[in-house]
PDB file of N, CA and C in Angstrom:
ATOM      1  N   UNK A   1     -50.335 -18.167   4.133  1.00  0.00           N
ATOM      2  CA  UNK A   1     -50.299 -17.477   2.853  1.00  0.00           C
ATOM      3  C   UNK A   1     -50.037 -15.985   3.089  1.00  0.00           C
ATOM      4  N   UNK A   2     -49.052 -15.431   2.381  1.00  0.00           N
ATOM      5  CA  UNK A   2     -48.682 -14.030   2.511  1.00  0.00           C
ATOM      6  C   UNK A   2     -49.379 -13.217   1.435  1.00  0.00           C
ATOM      7  N   UNK A   3     -49.961 -12.099   1.851  1.00  0.00           N
ATOM      8  CA  UNK A   3     -50.599 -11.207   0.890  1.00  0.00           C
ATOM      9  C   UNK A   3     -49.536 -10.426   0.131  1.00  0.00           C
ATOM     10  N   UNK A   4     -49.763 -10.234  -1.144  1.00  0.00           N
ATOM     11  CA  UNK A   4     -48.842  -9.475  -1.982  1.00  0.00           C
ATOM     12  C   UNK A   4     -49.106  -7.987  -1.795  1.00  0.00           C
ATOM     13  N   UNK A   5     -48.060  -7.250  -1.498  1.00  0.00           N
ATOM     14  CA  UNK A   5     -48.164  -5.804  -1.367  1.00  0.00           C
ATOM     15  C   UNK A   5     -48.453  -5.199  -2.735  1.00  0.00           C
ATOM     16  N   UNK A   6     -49.453  -4.345  -2.793  1.00  0.00           N
ATOM     17  CA  UNK A   6     -49.809  -3.655  -4.042  1.00  0.00           C
ATOM     18  C   UNK A   6     -49.321  -2.217  -3.947  1.00  0.00           C
ATOM     19  N   UNK A   7     -48.759  -1.749  -5.029  1.00  0.00           N
ATOM     20  CA  UNK A   7     -48.268  -0.375  -5.121  1.00  0.00           C
ATOM     21  C   UNK A   7     -48.934   0.282  -6.312  1.00  0.00           C
ATOM     22  N   UNK A   8     -49.248   1.555  -6.167  1.00  0.00           N
ATOM     23  CA  UNK A   8     -49.797   2.344  -7.265  1.00  0.00           C
ATOM     24  C   UNK A   8     -49.182   3.736  -7.155  1.00  0.00           C
ATOM     25  N   UNK A   9     -48.376   4.104  -8.130  1.00  0.00           N
ATOM     26  CA  UNK A   9     -47.674   5.391  -8.088  1.00  0.00           C
ATOM     27  C   UNK A   9     -48.621   6.581  -8.124  1.00  0.00           C
ATOM     28  N   UNK A  10     -49.873   6.370  -8.518  1.00  0.00           N
ATOM     29  CA  UNK A  10     -50.834   7.464  -8.555  1.00  0.00           C
ATOM     30  C   UNK A  10     -51.624   7.598  -7.254  1.00  0.00           C
ATOM     31  N   UNK A  11     -51.261   6.793  -6.253  1.00  0.00           N
ATOM     32  CA  UNK A  11     -51.894   6.864  -4.926  1.00  0.00           C
ATOM     33  C   UNK A  11     -50.802   6.858  -3.864  1.00  0.00           C
ATOM     34  N   UNK A  12     -51.128   7.434  -2.726  1.00  0.00           N
ATOM     35  CA  UNK A  12     -50.190   7.374  -1.608  1.00  0.00           C
ATOM     36  C   UNK A  12     -49.979   5.907  -1.229  1.00  0.00           C
ATOM     37  N   UNK A  13     -48.763   5.529  -0.834  1.00  0.00           N
ATOM     38  CA  UNK A  13     -48.537   4.144  -0.409  1.00  0.00           C
ATOM     39  C   UNK A  13     -49.385   3.780   0.810  1.00  0.00           C
ATOM     40  N   UNK A  14     -49.494   2.488   1.043  1.00  0.00           N
ATOM     41  CA  UNK A  14     -50.297   1.997   2.158  1.00  0.00           C
ATOM     42  C   UNK A  14     -49.786   2.563   3.479  1.00  0.00           C
ATOM     43  N   UNK A  15     -50.696   2.669   4.439  1.00  0.00           N
ATOM     44  CA  UNK A  15     -50.304   3.109   5.771  1.00  0.00           C
ATOM     45  C   UNK A  15     -49.288   2.115   6.319  1.00  0.00           C
ATOM     46  N   UNK A  16     -48.282   2.617   6.975  1.00  0.00           N
ATOM     47  CA  UNK A  16     -47.240   1.750   7.508  1.00  0.00           C
ATOM     48  C   UNK A  16     -46.165   1.391   6.485  1.00  0.00           C
ATOM     49  N   UNK A  17     -46.119   2.126   5.375  1.00  0.00           N
ATOM     50  CA  UNK A  17     -45.173   1.875   4.283  1.00  0.00           C
ATOM     51  C   UNK A  17     -43.753   1.683   4.798  1.00  0.00           C
ATOM     52  N   UNK A  18     -43.304   2.556   5.660  1.00  0.00           N
ATOM     53  CA  UNK A  18     -41.917   2.512   6.130  1.00  0.00           C
ATOM     54  C   UNK A  18     -41.633   1.314   7.031  1.00  0.00           C
ATOM     55  N   UNK A  19     -42.669   0.739   7.636  1.00  0.00           N
ATOM     56  CA  UNK A  19     -42.462  -0.414   8.508  1.00  0.00           C
ATOM     57  C   UNK A  19     -42.367  -1.717   7.725  1.00  0.00           C
ATOM     58  N   UNK A  20     -42.775  -1.678   6.454  1.00  0.00           N
ATOM     59  CA  UNK A  20     -42.710  -2.878   5.619  1.00  0.00           C
ATOM     60  C   UNK A  20     -41.265  -3.160   5.216  1.00  0.00           C
ATOM     61  N   UNK A  21     -40.993  -4.405   4.909  1.00  0.00           N
ATOM     62  CA  UNK A  21     -39.674  -4.810   4.457  1.00  0.00           C
ATOM     63  C   UNK A  21     -39.310  -4.056   3.180  1.00  0.00           C
ATOM     64  N   UNK A  22     -38.103  -3.524   3.125  1.00  0.00           N
ATOM     65  CA  UNK A  22     -37.699  -2.713   1.976  1.00  0.00           C
ATOM     66  C   UNK A  22     -37.726  -3.506   0.670  1.00  0.00           C
ATOM     67  N   UNK A  23     -37.320  -4.763   0.711  1.00  0.00           N
ATOM     68  CA  UNK A  23     -37.350  -5.575  -0.506  1.00  0.00           C
ATOM     69  C   UNK A  23     -38.786  -5.806  -0.961  1.00  0.00           C
ATOM     70  N   UNK A  24     -39.688  -5.939  -0.013  1.00  0.00           N
ATOM     71  CA  UNK A  24     -41.108  -6.095  -0.324  1.00  0.00           C
ATOM     72  C   UNK A  24     -41.632  -4.845  -1.044  1.00  0.00           C
ATOM     73  N   UNK A  25     -41.235  -3.684  -0.558  1.00  0.00           N
ATOM     74  CA  UNK A  25     -41.641  -2.427  -1.190  1.00  0.00           C
ATOM     75  C   UNK A  25     -41.071  -2.323  -2.602  1.00  0.00           C
ATOM     76  N   UNK A  26     -39.782  -2.641  -2.738  1.00  0.00           N
ATOM     77  CA  UNK A  26     -39.121  -2.589  -4.047  1.00  0.00           C
ATOM     78  C   UNK A  26     -39.813  -3.535  -5.032  1.00  0.00           C
ATOM     79  N   UNK A  27     -40.082  -4.756  -4.590  1.00  0.00           N
ATOM     80  CA  UNK A  27     -40.729  -5.745  -5.462  1.00  0.00           C
ATOM     81  C   UNK A  27     -42.111  -5.276  -5.908  1.00  0.00           C
ATOM     82  N   UNK A  28     -42.850  -4.646  -4.996  1.00  0.00           N
ATOM     83  CA  UNK A  28     -44.187  -4.146  -5.337  1.00  0.00           C
ATOM     84  C   UNK A  28     -44.099  -3.057  -6.406  1.00  0.00           C
ATOM     85  N   UNK A  29     -43.095  -2.206  -6.315  1.00  0.00           N
ATOM     86  CA  UNK A  29     -42.920  -1.138  -7.303  1.00  0.00           C
ATOM     87  C   UNK A  29     -42.534  -1.733  -8.656  1.00  0.00           C
ATOM     88  N   UNK A  30     -41.681  -2.745  -8.649  1.00  0.00           N
ATOM     89  CA  UNK A  30     -41.308  -3.410  -9.904  1.00  0.00           C
ATOM     90  C   UNK A  30     -42.541  -4.056 -10.539  1.00  0.00           C
ATOM     91  N   UNK A  31     -43.331  -4.781  -9.747  1.00  0.00           N
ATOM     92  CA  UNK A  31     -44.548  -5.418 -10.288  1.00  0.00           C
ATOM     93  C   UNK A  31     -45.491  -4.382 -10.881  1.00  0.00           C
ATOM     94  N   UNK A  32     -45.643  -3.264 -10.203  1.00  0.00           N
ATOM     95  CA  UNK A  32     -46.499  -2.182 -10.703  1.00  0.00           C
ATOM     96  C   UNK A  32     -46.036  -1.740 -12.093  1.00  0.00           C
ATOM     97  N   UNK A  33     -44.749  -1.513 -12.254  1.00  0.00           N
ATOM     98  CA  UNK A  33     -44.237  -1.048 -13.541  1.00  0.00           C
ATOM     99  C   UNK A  33     -44.312  -2.134 -14.615  1.00  0.00           C
ATOM    100  N   UNK A  34     -44.188  -3.367 -14.223  1.00  0.00           N
ATOM    101  CA  UNK A  34     -44.351  -4.461 -15.196  1.00  0.00           C
ATOM    102  C   UNK A  34     -45.779  -4.491 -15.736  1.00  0.00           C
ATOM    103  N   UNK A  35     -46.753  -4.157 -14.889  1.00  0.00           N
ATOM    104  CA  UNK A  35     -48.151  -4.119 -15.334  1.00  0.00           C
ATOM    105  C   UNK A  35     -48.412  -2.934 -16.263  1.00  0.00           C
ATOM    106  N   UNK A  36     -47.570  -1.910 -16.210  1.00  0.00           N
ATOM    107  CA  UNK A  36     -47.773  -0.681 -16.980  1.00  0.00           C
ATOM    108  C   UNK A  36     -47.041  -0.655 -18.313  1.00  0.00           C
ATOM    109  N   UNK A  37     -46.458  -1.734 -18.731  1.00  0.00           N
ATOM    110  CA  UNK A  37     -45.565  -1.727 -19.900  1.00  0.00           C
ATOM    111  C   UNK A  37     -46.077  -0.899 -21.067  1.00  0.00           C
ATOM    112  N   UNK A  38     -47.349  -0.982 -21.396  1.00  0.00           N
ATOM    113  CA  UNK A  38     -47.877  -0.254 -22.553  1.00  0.00           C
ATOM    114  C   UNK A  38     -47.981   1.238 -22.256  1.00  0.00           C
ATOM    115  N   UNK A  39     -48.347   1.601 -21.033  1.00  0.00           N
ATOM    116  CA  UNK A  39     -48.628   2.997 -20.686  1.00  0.00           C
ATOM    117  C   UNK A  39     -47.411   3.764 -20.189  1.00  0.00           C
ATOM    118  N   UNK A  40     -46.304   3.100 -19.984  1.00  0.00           N
ATOM    119  CA  UNK A  40     -45.138   3.714 -19.356  1.00  0.00           C
ATOM    120  C   UNK A  40     -43.999   3.804 -20.358  1.00  0.00           C
ATOM    121  N   UNK A  41     -43.211   4.883 -20.315  1.00  0.00           N
ATOM    122  CA  UNK A  41     -42.041   4.937 -21.192  1.00  0.00           C
ATOM    123  C   UNK A  41     -41.144   3.716 -20.948  1.00  0.00           C
ATOM    124  N   UNK A  42     -40.399   3.344 -21.965  1.00  0.00           N
ATOM    125  CA  UNK A  42     -39.517   2.182 -21.855  1.00  0.00           C
ATOM    126  C   UNK A  42     -38.557   2.351 -20.685  1.00  0.00           C
ATOM    127  N   UNK A  43     -38.343   1.261 -19.972  1.00  0.00           N
ATOM    128  CA  UNK A  43     -37.452   1.276 -18.821  1.00  0.00           C
ATOM    129  C   UNK A  43     -36.240   0.399 -19.104  1.00  0.00           C
ATOM    130  N   UNK A  44     -35.090   1.006 -19.370  1.00  0.00           N
ATOM    131  CA  UNK A  44     -33.905   0.199 -19.638  1.00  0.00           C
ATOM    132  C   UNK A  44     -33.502  -0.656 -18.431  1.00  0.00           C
ATOM    133  N   UNK A  45     -33.790  -0.176 -17.234  1.00  0.00           N
ATOM    134  CA  UNK A  45     -33.461  -0.919 -16.019  1.00  0.00           C
ATOM    135  C   UNK A  45     -34.594  -0.717 -15.022  1.00  0.00           C
ATOM    136  N   UNK A  46     -35.525  -1.658 -15.016  1.00  0.00           N
ATOM    137  CA  UNK A  46     -36.721  -1.522 -14.184  1.00  0.00           C
ATOM    138  C   UNK A  46     -36.392  -1.509 -12.691  1.00  0.00           C
ATOM    139  N   UNK A  47     -35.354  -2.229 -12.291  1.00  0.00           N
ATOM    140  CA  UNK A  47     -34.988  -2.272 -10.873  1.00  0.00           C
ATOM    141  C   UNK A  47     -34.424  -0.924 -10.435  1.00  0.00           C
ATOM    142  N   UNK A  48     -33.595  -0.315 -11.258  1.00  0.00           N
ATOM    143  CA  UNK A  48     -33.066   1.010 -10.931  1.00  0.00           C
ATOM    144  C   UNK A  48     -34.200   2.038 -10.887  1.00  0.00           C
ATOM    145  N   UNK A  49     -35.097   1.964 -11.857  1.00  0.00           N
ATOM    146  CA  UNK A  49     -36.248   2.872 -11.889  1.00  0.00           C
ATOM    147  C   UNK A  49     -37.084   2.712 -10.618  1.00  0.00           C
ATOM    148  N   UNK A  50     -37.343   1.464 -10.242  1.00  0.00           N
ATOM    149  CA  UNK A  50     -38.121   1.197  -9.027  1.00  0.00           C
ATOM    150  C   UNK A  50     -37.384   1.693  -7.783  1.00  0.00           C
ATOM    151  N   UNK A  51     -36.065   1.636  -7.808  1.00  0.00           N
ATOM    152  CA  UNK A  51     -35.281   2.123  -6.659  1.00  0.00           C
ATOM    153  C   UNK A  51     -35.451   3.622  -6.472  1.00  0.00           C
ATOM    154  N   UNK A  52     -35.516   4.357  -7.581  1.00  0.00           N
ATOM    155  CA  UNK A  52     -35.740   5.806  -7.489  1.00  0.00           C
ATOM    156  C   UNK A  52     -37.126   6.065  -6.900  1.00  0.00           C
ATOM    157  N   UNK A  53     -38.126   5.331  -7.393  1.00  0.00           N
ATOM    158  CA  UNK A  53     -39.469   5.443  -6.817  1.00  0.00           C
ATOM    159  C   UNK A  53     -39.428   5.148  -5.320  1.00  0.00           C
ATOM    160  N   UNK A  54     -38.728   4.094  -4.935  1.00  0.00           N
ATOM    161  CA  UNK A  54     -38.668   3.683  -3.531  1.00  0.00           C
ATOM    162  C   UNK A  54     -38.064   4.773  -2.656  1.00  0.00           C
ATOM    163  N   UNK A  55     -36.954   5.335  -3.093  1.00  0.00           N
ATOM    164  CA  UNK A  55     -36.318   6.409  -2.316  1.00  0.00           C
ATOM    165  C   UNK A  55     -37.276   7.585  -2.174  1.00  0.00           C
ATOM    166  N   UNK A  56     -37.927   7.975  -3.272  1.00  0.00           N
ATOM    167  CA  UNK A  56     -38.859   9.104  -3.214  1.00  0.00           C
ATOM    168  C   UNK A  56     -40.047   8.806  -2.308  1.00  0.00           C
ATOM    169  N   UNK A  57     -40.627   7.612  -2.434  1.00  0.00           N
ATOM    170  CA  UNK A  57     -41.765   7.250  -1.581  1.00  0.00           C
ATOM    171  C   UNK A  57     -41.352   7.251  -0.112  1.00  0.00           C
ATOM    172  N   UNK A  58     -40.145   6.785   0.169  1.00  0.00           N
ATOM    173  CA  UNK A  58     -39.659   6.792   1.548  1.00  0.00           C
ATOM    174  C   UNK A  58     -39.485   8.225   2.050  1.00  0.00           C
ATOM    175  N   UNK A  59     -38.907   9.084   1.214  1.00  0.00           N
ATOM    176  CA  UNK A  59     -38.737  10.483   1.607  1.00  0.00           C
ATOM    177  C   UNK A  59     -40.089  11.129   1.876  1.00  0.00           C
ATOM    178  N   UNK A  60     -41.055  10.874   1.005  1.00  0.00           N
ATOM    179  CA  UNK A  60     -42.389  11.452   1.181  1.00  0.00           C
ATOM    180  C   UNK A  60     -43.044  10.928   2.455  1.00  0.00           C
ATOM    181  N   UNK A  61     -42.905   9.642   2.714  1.00  0.00           N
ATOM    182  CA  UNK A  61     -43.509   9.053   3.908  1.00  0.00           C
ATOM    183  C   UNK A  61     -42.861   9.585   5.187  1.00  0.00           C
ATOM    184  N   UNK A  62     -41.560   9.846   5.138  1.00  0.00           N
ATOM    185  CA  UNK A  62     -40.850  10.369   6.308  1.00  0.00           C
ATOM    186  C   UNK A  62     -41.029  11.879   6.456  1.00  0.00           C
ATOM    187  N   UNK A  63     -41.412  12.536   5.339  1.00  0.00           N
ATOM    188  CA  UNK A  63     -41.497  13.991   5.373  1.00  0.00           C
ATOM    189  C   UNK A  63     -40.125  14.638   5.375  1.00  0.00           C
ATOM    190  N   UNK A  64     -39.144  13.933   4.843  1.00  0.00           N
ATOM    191  CA  UNK A  64     -37.768  14.410   4.879  1.00  0.00           C
ATOM    192  C   UNK A  64     -37.071  14.059   3.574  1.00  0.00           C
ATOM    193  N   UNK A  65     -36.663  15.039   2.809  1.00  0.00           N
ATOM    194  CA  UNK A  65     -36.781  16.466   3.067  1.00  0.00           C
ATOM    195  C   UNK A  65     -38.208  16.960   2.793  1.00  0.00           C
ATOM    196  N   UNK A  66     -38.594  17.957   3.531  1.00  0.00           N
ATOM    197  CA  UNK A  66     -39.941  18.518   3.390  1.00  0.00           C
ATOM    198  C   UNK A  66     -40.184  19.037   1.978  1.00  0.00           C
ATOM    199  N   UNK A  67     -39.119  19.464   1.302  1.00  0.00           N
ATOM    200  CA  UNK A  67     -39.242  19.994  -0.059  1.00  0.00           C
ATOM    201  C   UNK A  67     -39.785  18.959  -1.031  1.00  0.00           C
ATOM    202  N   UNK A  68     -39.568  17.681  -0.739  1.00  0.00           N
ATOM    203  CA  UNK A  68     -40.082  16.633  -1.633  1.00  0.00           C
ATOM    204  C   UNK A  68     -41.606  16.669  -1.658  1.00  0.00           C
ATOM    205  N   UNK A  69     -42.233  16.750  -0.498  1.00  0.00           N
ATOM    206  CA  UNK A  69     -43.697  16.808  -0.429  1.00  0.00           C
ATOM    207  C   UNK A  69     -44.209  18.097  -1.062  1.00  0.00           C
ATOM    208  N   UNK A  70     -43.552  19.204  -0.766  1.00  0.00           N
ATOM    209  CA  UNK A  70     -43.975  20.489  -1.345  1.00  0.00           C
ATOM    210  C   UNK A  70     -43.881  20.456  -2.865  1.00  0.00           C
ATOM    211  N   UNK A  71     -42.801  19.887  -3.383  1.00  0.00           N
ATOM    212  CA  UNK A  71     -42.627  19.801  -4.836  1.00  0.00           C
ATOM    213  C   UNK A  71     -43.683  18.889  -5.445  1.00  0.00           C
ATOM    214  N   UNK A  72     -43.970  17.773  -4.787  1.00  0.00           N
ATOM    215  CA  UNK A  72     -45.005  16.859  -5.277  1.00  0.00           C
ATOM    216  C   UNK A  72     -46.345  17.586  -5.359  1.00  0.00           C
ATOM    217  N   UNK A  73     -46.701  18.291  -4.309  1.00  0.00           N
ATOM    218  CA  UNK A  73     -47.977  19.015  -4.295  1.00  0.00           C
ATOM    219  C   UNK A  73     -48.015  20.112  -5.351  1.00  0.00           C
ATOM    220  N   UNK A  74     -46.893  20.790  -5.540  1.00  0.00           N
ATOM    221  CA  UNK A  74     -46.826  21.846  -6.551  1.00  0.00           C
ATOM    222  C   UNK A  74     -47.026  21.259  -7.956  1.00  0.00           C
ATOM    223  N   UNK A  75     -46.368  20.147  -8.235  1.00  0.00           N
ATOM    224  CA  UNK A  75     -46.501  19.515  -9.547  1.00  0.00           C
ATOM    225  C   UNK A  75     -47.913  18.980  -9.765  1.00  0.00           C
ATOM    226  N   UNK A  76     -48.511  18.427  -8.721  1.00  0.00           N
ATOM    227  CA  UNK A  76     -49.881  17.929  -8.828  1.00  0.00           C
ATOM    228  C   UNK A  76     -50.844  19.081  -9.113  1.00  0.00           C
ATOM    229  N   UNK A  77     -50.604  20.236  -8.486  1.00  0.00           N
ATOM    230  CA  UNK A  77     -51.490  21.389  -8.699  1.00  0.00           C
ATOM    231  C   UNK A  77     -51.372  21.925 -10.125  1.00  0.00           C
ATOM    232  N   UNK A  78     -50.301  21.565 -10.800  1.00  0.00           N
ATOM    233  CA  UNK A  78     -50.101  21.976 -12.198  1.00  0.00           C
ATOM    234  C   UNK A  78     -50.680  20.955 -13.173  1.00  0.00           C
ATOM    235  N   UNK A  79     -51.335  19.926 -12.642  1.00  0.00           N
ATOM    236  CA  UNK A  79     -52.014  18.968 -13.495  1.00  0.00           C
ATOM    237  C   UNK A  79     -51.290  17.660 -13.750  1.00  0.00           C
ATOM    238  N   UNK A  80     -50.121  17.470 -13.189  1.00  0.00           N
ATOM    239  CA  UNK A  80     -49.423  16.206 -13.371  1.00  0.00           C
ATOM    240  C   UNK A  80     -50.062  15.129 -12.512  1.00  0.00           C
ATOM    241  N   UNK A  81     -50.060  13.907 -13.004  1.00  0.00           N
ATOM    242  CA  UNK A  81     -50.492  12.802 -12.157  1.00  0.00           C
ATOM    243  C   UNK A  81     -49.431  12.611 -11.076  1.00  0.00           C
ATOM    244  N   UNK A  82     -49.767  11.876 -10.048  1.00  0.00           N
ATOM    245  CA  UNK A  82     -48.791  11.616  -8.991  1.00  0.00           C
ATOM    246  C   UNK A  82     -47.580  10.883  -9.567  1.00  0.00           C
ATOM    247  N   UNK A  83     -47.822   9.927 -10.449  1.00  0.00           N
ATOM    248  CA  UNK A  83     -46.743   9.161 -11.054  1.00  0.00           C
ATOM    249  C   UNK A  83     -45.834  10.069 -11.888  1.00  0.00           C
ATOM    250  N   UNK A  84     -46.428  10.940 -12.691  1.00  0.00           N
ATOM    251  CA  UNK A  84     -45.632  11.879 -13.479  1.00  0.00           C
ATOM    252  C   UNK A  84     -44.807  12.798 -12.568  1.00  0.00           C
ATOM    253  N   UNK A  85     -45.420  13.235 -11.476  1.00  0.00           N
ATOM    254  CA  UNK A  85     -44.714  14.100 -10.530  1.00  0.00           C
ATOM    255  C   UNK A  85     -43.540  13.360  -9.891  1.00  0.00           C
ATOM    256  N   UNK A  86     -43.729  12.087  -9.564  1.00  0.00           N
ATOM    257  CA  UNK A  86     -42.619  11.308  -9.010  1.00  0.00           C
ATOM    258  C   UNK A  86     -41.462  11.239 -10.001  1.00  0.00           C
ATOM    259  N   UNK A  87     -41.772  11.091 -11.270  1.00  0.00           N
ATOM    260  CA  UNK A  87     -40.714  11.067 -12.278  1.00  0.00           C
ATOM    261  C   UNK A  87     -39.963  12.396 -12.306  1.00  0.00           C
ATOM    262  N   UNK A  88     -40.685  13.498 -12.200  1.00  0.00           N
ATOM    263  CA  UNK A  88     -40.029  14.817 -12.179  1.00  0.00           C
ATOM    264  C   UNK A  88     -39.138  14.952 -10.947  1.00  0.00           C
ATOM    265  N   UNK A  89     -39.622  14.454  -9.796  1.00  0.00           N
ATOM    266  CA  UNK A  89     -38.824  14.513  -8.564  1.00  0.00           C
ATOM    267  C   UNK A  89     -37.613  13.587  -8.647  1.00  0.00           C
ATOM    268  N   UNK A  90     -37.720  12.560  -9.459  1.00  0.00           N
ATOM    269  CA  UNK A  90     -36.614  11.625  -9.609  1.00  0.00           C
ATOM    270  C   UNK A  90     -35.421  12.211 -10.336  1.00  0.00           C
ATOM    271  N   UNK A  91     -35.623  13.295 -11.083  1.00  0.00           N
ATOM    272  CA  UNK A  91     -34.520  13.885 -11.849  1.00  0.00           C
ATOM    273  C   UNK A  91     -33.420  14.416 -10.926  1.00  0.00           C
ATOM    274  N   UNK A  92     -33.721  15.302  -9.970  1.00  0.00           N
ATOM    275  CA  UNK A  92     -32.628  15.772  -9.105  1.00  0.00           C
ATOM    276  C   UNK A  92     -32.025  14.646  -8.256  1.00  0.00           C
ATOM    277  N   UNK A  93     -32.848  13.700  -7.842  1.00  0.00           N
ATOM    278  CA  UNK A  93     -32.324  12.564  -7.080  1.00  0.00           C
ATOM    279  C   UNK A  93     -31.366  11.754  -7.944  1.00  0.00           C
ATOM    280  N   UNK A  94     -31.763  11.464  -9.173  1.00  0.00           N
ATOM    281  CA  UNK A  94     -30.912  10.705 -10.093  1.00  0.00           C
ATOM    282  C   UNK A  94     -29.625  11.461 -10.401  1.00  0.00           C
ATOM    283  N   UNK A  95     -29.728  12.775 -10.569  1.00  0.00           N
ATOM    284  CA  UNK A  95     -28.538  13.580 -10.834  1.00  0.00           C
ATOM    285  C   UNK A  95     -27.523  13.446  -9.699  1.00  0.00           C
ATOM    286  N   UNK A  96     -28.007  13.501  -8.464  1.00  0.00           N
ATOM    287  CA  UNK A  96     -27.122  13.353  -7.300  1.00  0.00           C
ATOM    288  C   UNK A  96     -26.484  11.966  -7.278  1.00  0.00           C
ATOM    289  N   UNK A  97     -27.295  10.945  -7.497  1.00  0.00           N
ATOM    290  CA  UNK A  97     -26.780   9.575  -7.477  1.00  0.00           C
ATOM    291  C   UNK A  97     -25.776   9.352  -8.603  1.00  0.00           C
ATOM    292  N   UNK A  98     -26.075   9.881  -9.785  1.00  0.00           N
ATOM    293  CA  UNK A  98     -25.166   9.721 -10.924  1.00  0.00           C
ATOM    294  C   UNK A  98     -23.824  10.382 -10.633  1.00  0.00           C
ATOM    295  N   UNK A  99     -23.853  11.584 -10.087  1.00  0.00           N
ATOM    296  CA  UNK A  99     -22.606  12.289  -9.759  1.00  0.00           C
ATOM    297  C   UNK A  99     -21.780  11.475  -8.767  1.00  0.00           C
ATOM    298  N   UNK A 100     -22.427  10.906  -7.782  1.00  0.00           N
ATOM    299  CA  UNK A 100     -21.705  10.089  -6.806  1.00  0.00           C
ATOM    300  C   UNK A 100     -21.089   8.856  -7.461  1.00  0.00           C
ATOM    301  N   UNK A 101     -21.838   8.212  -8.359  1.00  0.00           N
ATOM    302  CA  UNK A 101     -21.330   7.011  -9.031  1.00  0.00           C
ATOM    303  C   UNK A 101     -20.171   7.343  -9.972  1.00  0.00           C
ATOM    304  N   UNK A 102     -20.129   8.562 -10.487  1.00  0.00           N
ATOM    305  CA  UNK A 102     -19.063   8.966 -11.397  1.00  0.00           C
ATOM    306  C   UNK A 102     -17.849   9.521 -10.643  1.00  0.00           C
ATOM    307  N   UNK A 103     -17.908   9.462  -9.311  1.00  0.00           N
ATOM    308  CA  UNK A 103     -16.796   9.972  -8.523  1.00  0.00           C
ATOM    309  C   UNK A 103     -16.748  11.478  -8.462  1.00  0.00           C
ATOM    310  N   UNK A 104     -17.891  12.108  -8.681  1.00  0.00           N
ATOM    311  CA  UNK A 104     -17.965  13.571  -8.675  1.00  0.00           C
ATOM    312  C   UNK A 104     -18.659  14.068  -7.408  1.00  0.00           C
ATOM    313  N   UNK A 105     -18.168  13.581  -6.283  1.00  0.00           N
ATOM    314  CA  UNK A 105     -18.795  13.924  -5.004  1.00  0.00           C
ATOM    315  C   UNK A 105     -18.826  15.422  -4.755  1.00  0.00           C
ATOM    316  N   UNK A 106     -17.880  16.148  -5.342  1.00  0.00           N
ATOM    317  CA  UNK A 106     -17.870  17.601  -5.138  1.00  0.00           C
ATOM    318  C   UNK A 106     -19.105  18.263  -5.722  1.00  0.00           C
ATOM    319  N   UNK A 107     -19.759  17.602  -6.707  1.00  0.00           N
ATOM    320  CA  UNK A 107     -20.999  18.143  -7.280  1.00  0.00           C
ATOM    321  C   UNK A 107     -22.179  17.934  -6.338  1.00  0.00           C
ATOM    322  N   UNK A 108     -22.062  16.981  -5.432  1.00  0.00           N
ATOM    323  CA  UNK A 108     -23.150  16.663  -4.510  1.00  0.00           C
ATOM    324  C   UNK A 108     -22.658  17.037  -3.117  1.00  0.00           C
ATOM    325  N   UNK A 109     -22.909  18.270  -2.758  1.00  0.00           N
ATOM    326  CA  UNK A 109     -22.322  18.774  -1.520  1.00  0.00           C
ATOM    327  C   UNK A 109     -23.233  18.646  -0.312  1.00  0.00           C
ATOM    328  N   UNK A 110     -24.444  18.156  -0.520  1.00  0.00           N
ATOM    329  CA  UNK A 110     -25.264  17.948   0.650  1.00  0.00           C
ATOM    330  C   UNK A 110     -26.747  18.122   0.411  1.00  0.00           C
ATOM    331  N   UNK A 111     -27.468  17.971   1.484  1.00  0.00           N
ATOM    332  CA  UNK A 111     -28.919  18.028   1.462  1.00  0.00           C
ATOM    333  C   UNK A 111     -29.420  19.387   0.985  1.00  0.00           C
ATOM    334  N   UNK A 112     -28.725  20.437   1.331  1.00  0.00           N
ATOM    335  CA  UNK A 112     -29.171  21.789   0.949  1.00  0.00           C
ATOM    336  C   UNK A 112     -29.313  21.923  -0.566  1.00  0.00           C
ATOM    337  N   UNK A 113     -28.359  21.401  -1.324  1.00  0.00           N
ATOM    338  CA  UNK A 113     -28.408  21.485  -2.782  1.00  0.00           C
ATOM    339  C   UNK A 113     -29.545  20.621  -3.336  1.00  0.00           C
ATOM    340  N   UNK A 114     -29.752  19.447  -2.725  1.00  0.00           N
ATOM    341  CA  UNK A 114     -30.852  18.579  -3.163  1.00  0.00           C
ATOM    342  C   UNK A 114     -32.189  19.270  -2.905  1.00  0.00           C
ATOM    343  N   UNK A 115     -32.332  19.873  -1.730  1.00  0.00           N
ATOM    344  CA  UNK A 115     -33.564  20.605  -1.411  1.00  0.00           C
ATOM    345  C   UNK A 115     -33.776  21.755  -2.388  1.00  0.00           C
ATOM    346  N   UNK A 116     -32.699  22.456  -2.739  1.00  0.00           N
ATOM    347  CA  UNK A 116     -32.801  23.554  -3.694  1.00  0.00           C
ATOM    348  C   UNK A 116     -33.243  23.030  -5.062  1.00  0.00           C
ATOM    349  N   UNK A 117     -32.706  21.890  -5.477  1.00  0.00           N
ATOM    350  CA  UNK A 117     -33.087  21.297  -6.758  1.00  0.00           C
ATOM    351  C   UNK A 117     -34.551  20.895  -6.741  1.00  0.00           C
ATOM    352  N   UNK A 118     -35.050  20.391  -5.606  1.00  0.00           N
ATOM    353  CA  UNK A 118     -36.464  20.040  -5.492  1.00  0.00           C
ATOM    354  C   UNK A 118     -37.345  21.281  -5.602  1.00  0.00           C
ATOM    355  N   UNK A 119     -36.900  22.373  -5.013  1.00  0.00           N
ATOM    356  CA  UNK A 119     -37.671  23.622  -5.101  1.00  0.00           C
ATOM    357  C   UNK A 119     -37.736  24.129  -6.535  1.00  0.00           C
ATOM    358  N   UNK A 120     -36.730  23.810  -7.336  1.00  0.00           N
ATOM    359  CA  UNK A 120     -36.669  24.289  -8.721  1.00  0.00           C
ATOM    360  C   UNK A 120     -37.491  23.411  -9.670  1.00  0.00           C
ATOM    361  N   UNK A 121     -37.908  22.253  -9.224  1.00  0.00           N
ATOM    362  CA  UNK A 121     -38.673  21.337 -10.096  1.00  0.00           C
ATOM    363  C   UNK A 121     -40.035  21.927 -10.375  1.00  0.00           C
TER     364      UNK A 121
END
């Protein structure tokens, strides 16, 4: 019997997060948001939303870019929950991904701009 991975956006992920199977992590984030339906803004695409969470959690766990952790701590010190802070951090990440999907790679010139956007959050 396999234990189900539990995720909570208001807590740091389990130790060894990065060593877990990526699909397992994604599924845990989706299940978490399914449990939050009443308390969470409507999600037009729960899998895409969970993917943004996954990328951010991975960045935070790796400490790369360092600005992600600094921005998270700054937002938390301003009274945001960890989950709310992750949503704020998801904006510059989503902007970069959207530009790439629209064929606007020139708008996403590299890590430096993403780090700068994180500092501005």
